[in-house]
Protein backbone atom coordinates (compact mmCIF):
# COMPACT_ATOMS: atom_id res chain seq x y z
CA MET A 1 0.00 0.00 0.00
CA LYS A 2 2.93 2.32 0.64
CA LYS A 3 4.07 1.77 -2.95
CA LEU A 4 0.63 2.81 -4.15
CA SER A 5 0.85 5.96 -2.06
CA TYR A 6 4.20 6.81 -3.62
CA PHE A 7 2.67 6.32 -7.05
CA TYR A 8 -0.21 8.71 -6.26
CA PHE A 9 2.18 11.35 -4.93
CA ALA A 10 4.31 11.01 -8.06
CA LEU A 11 1.19 11.46 -10.20
CA ILE A 12 0.22 14.57 -8.26
CA ALA A 13 3.71 16.02 -8.72
CA LEU A 14 3.54 15.31 -12.45
CA LEU A 15 0.05 16.58 -13.24
CA PHE A 16 -0.72 19.23 -10.62
CA PRO A 17 0.97 22.15 -12.44
CA PHE A 18 -0.90 21.42 -15.66
CA ILE A 19 -4.59 21.37 -14.73
CA SER A 20 -5.11 24.97 -13.62
CA SER A 21 -6.80 26.41 -16.72
CA ALA A 22 -9.48 23.79 -17.30
CA HIS A 23 -12.38 26.02 -18.37
CA VAL A 24 -10.82 28.83 -20.37
CA LYS A 25 -13.96 29.41 -22.43
CA TRP A 26 -15.53 30.95 -19.33
CA PHE A 27 -12.82 33.61 -19.23
CA VAL A 28 -12.05 34.51 -22.84
CA GLU A 29 -14.13 35.81 -25.74
CA THR A 30 -14.09 32.51 -27.60
CA ASP A 31 -15.43 33.62 -30.98
CA ASP A 32 -13.27 36.74 -31.15
CA VAL A 33 -10.09 34.89 -30.21
CA ILE A 34 -10.72 32.11 -32.75
CA ASP A 35 -11.58 34.57 -35.53
CA LYS A 36 -8.39 36.55 -34.95
CA SER A 37 -5.90 33.82 -34.06
CA HIS A 38 -7.01 30.39 -35.27
CA GLY A 39 -4.66 29.00 -37.87
CA ILE A 40 -2.17 31.77 -37.13
CA THR A 41 -1.07 30.70 -33.65
CA SER A 42 1.82 28.26 -33.92
CA PHE A 43 1.53 25.06 -31.94
CA TYR A 44 3.12 21.63 -31.73
CA PRO A 45 2.64 19.27 -34.70
CA VAL A 46 1.60 15.69 -33.98
CA THR A 47 5.08 14.41 -34.76
CA SER A 48 6.88 16.82 -32.41
CA SER A 49 8.96 15.36 -29.59
CA GLU A 50 6.80 17.12 -26.98
CA VAL A 51 3.61 15.48 -28.28
CA LEU A 52 5.25 12.07 -28.57
CA ILE A 53 6.66 12.25 -25.02
CA TRP A 54 3.29 13.24 -23.55
CA SER A 55 1.57 10.51 -25.59
CA GLY A 56 3.92 7.98 -24.02
CA ILE A 57 3.14 9.36 -20.56
CA VAL A 58 -0.59 8.95 -21.25
CA VAL A 59 -0.15 5.29 -22.22
CA VAL A 60 2.04 4.51 -19.19
CA ILE A 61 -0.33 6.16 -16.68
CA VAL A 62 -3.48 4.54 -18.09
CA ILE A 63 -1.86 1.08 -18.12
CA ALA A 64 -0.49 1.63 -14.60
CA PHE A 65 -3.93 2.59 -13.33
CA SER A 66 -5.52 -0.41 -15.05
CA ILE A 67 -3.15 -2.70 -13.13
CA LEU A 68 -3.47 -0.86 -9.82
CA ASP A 69 -7.26 -0.90 -10.14
CA LYS A 70 -7.30 -4.61 -9.29
CA TYR A 71 -5.01 -4.27 -6.28
CA ALA A 72 -6.03 -1.00 -4.63
CA LYS A 73 -8.94 -1.24 -2.24
CA ALA A 74 -11.16 1.69 -1.37
CA PRO A 75 -11.02 2.64 2.33
CA SER A 76 -13.71 0.63 4.09
CA ALA A 77 -14.75 3.66 6.14
CA LEU A 78 -15.39 5.64 2.94
CA VAL A 79 -17.34 2.79 1.35
CA ASN A 80 -19.42 2.23 4.49
CA PHE A 81 -20.13 5.95 4.79
CA GLY A 82 -21.35 5.96 1.20
CA PHE A 83 -23.69 3.01 1.77
CA THR A 84 -25.00 4.46 5.01
CA HIS A 85 -25.64 7.98 3.70
CA VAL A 86 -26.76 7.33 0.13
CA LYS A 87 -29.75 9.63 0.35
CA ASN A 88 -27.84 12.56 1.89
CA ILE A 89 -24.95 12.25 -0.58
CA ASN A 90 -27.36 12.28 -3.51
CA ARG A 91 -29.12 15.31 -2.08
CA ILE A 92 -25.89 17.28 -1.64
CA SER A 93 -24.83 16.45 -5.19
CA GLN A 94 -28.26 17.48 -6.48
CA ILE A 95 -28.12 20.75 -4.54
CA LEU A 96 -24.71 21.57 -6.07
CA LEU A 97 -26.12 21.01 -9.54
CA GLY A 98 -29.01 23.31 -8.69
CA LEU A 99 -26.65 25.98 -7.34
CA PHE A 100 -24.64 25.75 -10.56
CA LEU A 101 -27.74 26.53 -12.63
CA ILE A 102 -28.77 29.37 -10.30
CA SER A 103 -25.29 30.94 -10.19
CA ILE A 104 -24.73 30.96 -13.96
CA THR A 105 -28.18 32.51 -14.29
CA PHE A 106 -27.63 35.45 -11.95
CA ILE A 107 -23.84 35.85 -12.03
CA TRP A 108 -22.95 34.96 -15.61
CA LYS A 109 -26.37 35.58 -17.23
CA ILE A 110 -25.87 32.71 -19.66
CA VAL A 111 -27.85 29.63 -20.66
CA LEU A 112 -25.73 26.62 -19.64
CA VAL A 113 -22.59 27.55 -21.60
CA PRO A 114 -20.42 30.69 -21.65
CA ASP A 115 -21.17 31.47 -25.30
CA ALA A 116 -24.95 31.55 -24.78
CA HIS A 117 -25.44 35.05 -23.38
CA ALA A 118 -28.99 36.18 -22.62
CA THR A 119 -29.50 39.05 -25.07
CA THR A 120 -32.95 38.39 -26.52
CA THR A 121 -36.41 38.10 -25.02
CA LEU A 122 -36.41 34.35 -25.61
CA SER A 123 -33.03 33.89 -23.94
CA LEU A 124 -34.18 35.92 -20.94
CA ILE A 125 -37.18 33.62 -20.62
CA LEU A 126 -34.82 30.65 -20.77
CA LEU A 127 -32.75 32.22 -18.00
CA VAL A 128 -35.82 32.31 -15.78
CA VAL A 129 -36.62 28.69 -16.57
CA GLN A 130 -33.00 27.74 -15.91
CA ALA A 131 -33.12 29.36 -12.49
CA LEU A 132 -36.39 27.56 -11.73
CA ILE A 133 -34.81 24.23 -12.68
CA GLY A 134 -31.95 25.02 -10.30
CA LEU A 135 -34.38 25.82 -7.49
CA MET A 136 -36.27 22.59 -8.15
CA PHE A 137 -33.04 20.64 -7.72
CA VAL A 138 -32.03 22.56 -4.59
CA PHE A 139 -35.38 22.12 -2.84
CA ASN A 140 -35.99 18.64 -4.26
CA PHE A 141 -39.26 19.78 -5.81
CA LYS A 142 -40.23 17.37 -8.60
CA PRO A 143 -36.57 16.60 -9.43
CA ARG A 144 -37.60 14.21 -12.22
CA ILE A 145 -39.30 17.04 -14.08
CA ALA A 146 -36.26 19.26 -13.40
CA SER A 147 -34.05 16.55 -14.88
CA ILE A 148 -36.19 16.27 -18.01
CA LEU A 149 -36.10 20.04 -18.47
CA LEU A 150 -32.31 20.05 -18.05
CA VAL A 151 -32.01 17.34 -20.71
CA LEU A 152 -34.10 19.48 -23.08
CA PHE A 153 -31.91 22.50 -22.32
CA TYR A 154 -28.83 20.38 -22.96
CA PHE A 155 -29.91 19.14 -26.38
CA SER A 156 -30.94 22.67 -27.37
CA LEU A 157 -27.22 23.48 -27.29
CA PHE A 158 -26.87 21.55 -30.53
CA PHE A 159 -28.57 24.37 -32.41
CA THR A 160 -26.08 26.95 -31.17
CA GLY A 161 -22.83 25.02 -30.72
CA GLY A 162 -23.27 21.74 -32.56
CA ILE A 163 -22.06 18.32 -31.47
CA VAL A 164 -18.85 19.73 -29.97
CA THR A 165 -20.76 21.77 -27.38
CA LEU A 166 -22.81 18.70 -26.49
CA LEU A 167 -19.65 16.66 -25.92
CA GLU A 168 -18.02 19.42 -23.86
CA ASN A 169 -21.05 19.42 -21.56
CA ALA A 170 -21.71 15.66 -21.45
CA LEU A 171 -21.29 15.88 -17.68
CA LEU A 172 -24.49 17.94 -17.45
CA LEU A 173 -26.44 15.35 -19.42
CA SER A 174 -25.10 12.49 -17.32
CA LEU A 175 -26.08 14.24 -14.07
CA ALA A 176 -29.57 14.99 -15.39
CA ILE A 177 -30.02 11.31 -16.29
CA TYR A 178 -28.64 10.23 -12.91
CA PHE A 179 -31.02 12.39 -10.90
CA PHE A 180 -33.96 11.30 -13.04
CA ILE A 181 -33.09 7.66 -12.32
CA ILE A 182 -32.52 7.92 -8.57
CA ASN A 183 -35.67 9.98 -8.09
CA THR A 184 -37.76 7.38 -9.90
CA LYS A 185 -39.42 4.83 -7.64
CA ASP A 186 -38.86 1.13 -8.28
CA ASN A 187 -40.04 0.47 -11.78
CA LEU A 188 -39.26 -2.50 -13.97
CA ASN A 189 -38.85 -0.17 -16.92
CA ILE A 190 -36.10 1.84 -15.19
CA ASN A 191 -34.42 -0.63 -12.79
CA TRP A 192 -32.11 -1.98 -15.51
CA LEU A 193 -30.81 1.54 -16.03
CA ARG A 194 -30.45 2.17 -12.30
CA MET A 195 -27.54 -0.29 -12.21
CA HIS A 196 -25.67 1.88 -14.69
CA SER A 197 -26.58 5.32 -13.28
CA LEU A 198 -23.21 5.95 -11.64
CA GLU A 199 -21.34 4.65 -14.66
CA ILE A 200 -23.23 7.19 -16.78
CA VAL A 201 -21.94 10.03 -14.56
CA ARG A 202 -18.39 8.69 -14.67
CA ILE A 203 -18.30 8.31 -18.45
CA GLY A 204 -19.99 11.70 -18.95
CA THR A 205 -17.26 13.28 -16.83
CA GLY A 206 -14.56 11.61 -18.88
CA ILE A 207 -16.10 12.64 -22.21
CA SER A 208 -16.29 16.27 -21.09
CA LEU A 209 -12.64 16.32 -20.00
CA ILE A 210 -11.38 14.63 -23.17
CA THR A 211 -13.38 16.98 -25.39
CA LEU A 212 -12.15 20.07 -23.52
CA ALA A 213 -8.57 18.87 -23.92
CA PHE A 214 -9.04 19.04 -27.69
CA THR A 215 -11.31 22.09 -28.06
CA GLU A 216 -9.44 24.34 -25.63
CA LYS A 217 -5.88 23.09 -25.97
CA PHE A 218 -4.92 20.80 -28.86
CA LEU A 219 -7.15 22.13 -31.65
CA TYR A 220 -7.64 25.70 -30.43
CA PRO A 221 -4.53 26.51 -28.35
CA GLU A 222 -5.13 30.22 -28.92
CA LEU A 223 -7.94 30.09 -26.32
CA SER A 224 -5.69 28.86 -23.51
CA LEU A 225 -2.83 31.10 -24.64
CA GLN A 226 -5.16 34.10 -24.47
CA PHE A 227 -6.20 33.03 -20.98
CA LEU A 228 -2.56 32.77 -19.88
CA SER A 229 -1.77 36.20 -21.32
CA VAL A 230 -4.26 37.68 -18.84
CA HIS A 231 -4.05 35.21 -15.97
CA HIS A 232 -0.38 34.42 -15.47
CA TRP A 233 -0.69 30.86 -14.19
CA ASN A 234 2.32 29.36 -15.91
CA PHE A 235 4.46 29.23 -12.79
CA MET A 236 6.48 26.45 -14.39
CA GLU A 237 8.25 29.09 -16.48
CA SER A 238 9.79 30.61 -13.36
CA LEU A 239 11.22 27.19 -12.47
CA PHE A 240 12.19 26.18 -16.01
CA PRO A 241 12.71 29.18 -18.36
CA LEU A 242 12.20 26.98 -21.42
CA PHE A 243 8.73 25.97 -20.18
CA THR A 244 6.77 28.39 -22.35
CA ASP A 245 3.04 29.12 -22.25
CA LYS A 246 2.71 26.99 -25.36
CA LEU A 247 4.25 23.98 -23.62
CA PHE A 248 2.10 24.66 -20.56
CA VAL A 249 -1.05 24.54 -22.71
CA LEU A 250 0.06 21.29 -24.33
CA SER A 251 0.77 19.76 -20.91
CA THR A 252 -2.58 20.92 -19.55
CA GLY A 253 -4.36 19.31 -22.48
CA PHE A 254 -2.64 15.98 -21.94
CA ALA A 255 -3.36 16.12 -18.20
CA GLU A 256 -7.06 16.55 -18.97
CA LEU A 257 -6.85 13.74 -21.50
CA ILE A 258 -5.33 11.42 -18.89
CA PHE A 259 -8.05 12.18 -16.35
CA GLY A 260 -10.75 11.81 -19.00
CA LEU A 261 -9.49 8.38 -20.07
CA LEU A 262 -9.24 7.22 -16.46
CA PHE A 263 -12.86 8.20 -15.88
CA VAL A 264 -14.09 6.53 -19.07
CA PHE A 265 -12.22 3.32 -18.26
CA GLY A 266 -13.23 3.47 -14.58
CA TYR A 267 -9.77 2.92 -13.14
CA ILE A 268 -9.40 3.78 -9.42
CA THR A 269 -12.22 6.27 -9.75
CA ARG A 270 -12.19 7.50 -6.15
CA ILE A 271 -8.49 8.41 -6.27
CA THR A 272 -8.84 9.95 -9.73
CA THR A 273 -11.80 12.02 -8.55
CA ILE A 274 -10.02 13.23 -5.42
CA LEU A 275 -7.01 14.28 -7.51
CA ILE A 276 -9.02 16.27 -10.03
CA ALA A 277 -11.20 17.78 -7.29
CA LEU A 278 -8.03 19.04 -5.62
CA PHE A 279 -6.83 20.51 -8.90
CA PHE A 280 -10.12 22.29 -9.51
CA ALA A 281 -10.11 23.56 -5.92
CA ALA A 282 -6.60 24.96 -6.47
CA SER A 283 -7.85 26.69 -9.61
CA VAL A 284 -10.80 28.20 -7.73
CA VAL A 285 -8.61 29.48 -4.89
CA THR A 286 -6.02 30.90 -7.30
CA MET A 287 -8.64 32.75 -9.34
CA PHE A 288 -10.29 34.13 -6.21
CA MET A 289 -7.02 35.22 -4.59
CA GLN A 290 -5.60 36.87 -7.73
CA PHE A 291 -8.68 38.37 -9.34
CA GLY A 292 -11.52 38.17 -6.82
CA ALA A 293 -13.52 36.01 -9.23
CA TRP A 294 -15.28 32.89 -7.98
CA GLU A 295 -15.40 30.04 -10.49
CA THR A 296 -19.02 29.05 -9.97
CA GLU A 297 -18.93 26.95 -13.14
CA ASP A 298 -16.96 24.31 -11.21
CA LEU A 299 -19.98 23.51 -9.01
CA VAL A 300 -21.16 21.00 -11.60
CA VAL A 301 -17.78 19.25 -11.34
CA TYR A 302 -18.14 18.96 -7.56
CA SER A 303 -21.66 17.62 -8.01
CA ALA A 304 -20.24 14.67 -9.92
CA ALA A 305 -17.13 14.41 -7.70
CA ILE A 306 -19.19 13.81 -4.55
CA LEU A 307 -20.95 10.87 -6.19
CA LEU A 308 -17.77 9.31 -7.57
CA ILE A 309 -15.77 9.72 -4.35
CA PHE A 310 -18.36 8.08 -2.11
CA PHE A 311 -19.87 5.56 -4.55
CA GLY A 312 -16.89 4.71 -6.75
CA SER A 313 -16.88 3.80 -10.43
CA GLY A 314 -20.15 1.91 -10.72
CA ARG A 315 -20.71 -1.68 -11.76
CA ASN A 316 -18.92 -1.85 -15.09
CA LYS A 317 -15.40 -1.08 -16.23
CA PHE A 318 -14.32 -0.86 -19.84
CA TYR A 319 -11.73 -3.63 -20.23
CA HIS A 320 -12.99 -5.93 -17.50
CA HIS A 321 -15.66 -7.28 -19.85
CA ILE A 322 -13.80 -7.00 -23.16
CA TRP A 323 -10.66 -8.78 -21.90
CA PRO A 324 -11.51 -10.54 -18.62
CA ASN A 325 -8.79 -12.15 -16.48
CA SER A 326 -6.00 -10.55 -18.50
CA ILE A 327 -2.68 -9.70 -16.89
CA LEU A 328 -3.84 -6.09 -16.65
CA GLN A 329 -6.88 -6.98 -14.57
CA LYS A 330 -6.05 -10.22 -12.78
CA GLN A 331 -5.93 -9.74 -9.02
CA ILE A 332 -3.37 -11.52 -6.87
């Protein structure tokens, strides 16, 4: 177990500096930056040594976690607490989701995503509905209806941002489905899905992280570079002068990719969730201390994190059914 602890500390040391600008679209004018800089901003080609090194790191970490997943045991106290307080944990997670919807309504004045500003009569009406959905989640008033409305809001994003926006916000969809399921009484038509409710949240989290790695870092590095030009978070440059903002963005993208893959595969989900929750908390504190801005958009991340920390990865894991009893999964 001590060896596992050393591995986790090594992972923290490796990835902690590179996860601090996870949601840059909330802090830059996305369309303006892309129009002015996309295709002009130089970045690393796929065959560059930096990309190849980070690709190797991704493979090593994912394989290492797949092996450790069969040996590491969740703390019994944490597991027992989760079983004993299922209802309260679900309620706290649901409240955080509701607070997210309320805060982006009144603080950001947007409909779900940072690009959807409320500027028309229709969008203002949607803001009101969004706030009502948040209140329904917070006060547990007809949460199934609130979940259905959130799903409708989610799919409406397709008309403004396309499939990419849907993938970036897959976490929202997964939480809406989860709260619809757990607030549905025993029903033969829904019980089969209940077994997979936590897995849906986990995979939704992973899809969001992987998509953001590409849309904010790999494919559109100008967004993160613009963020870093205003918010000077690349403290690695003070330690290593050759560690440019460009390299910092690349590293951040790969860190998000690693976490996303670990969530999708379901490897040591509790540890993975605790790590990324710490990283997001560091981001929140940094933003508040430097600029007095509170990153309310991270509430949705904490809503999922609470579920995954106390309940784990769910029933299914990617490779455990495709390649059972392999050397990567076999437990000694």
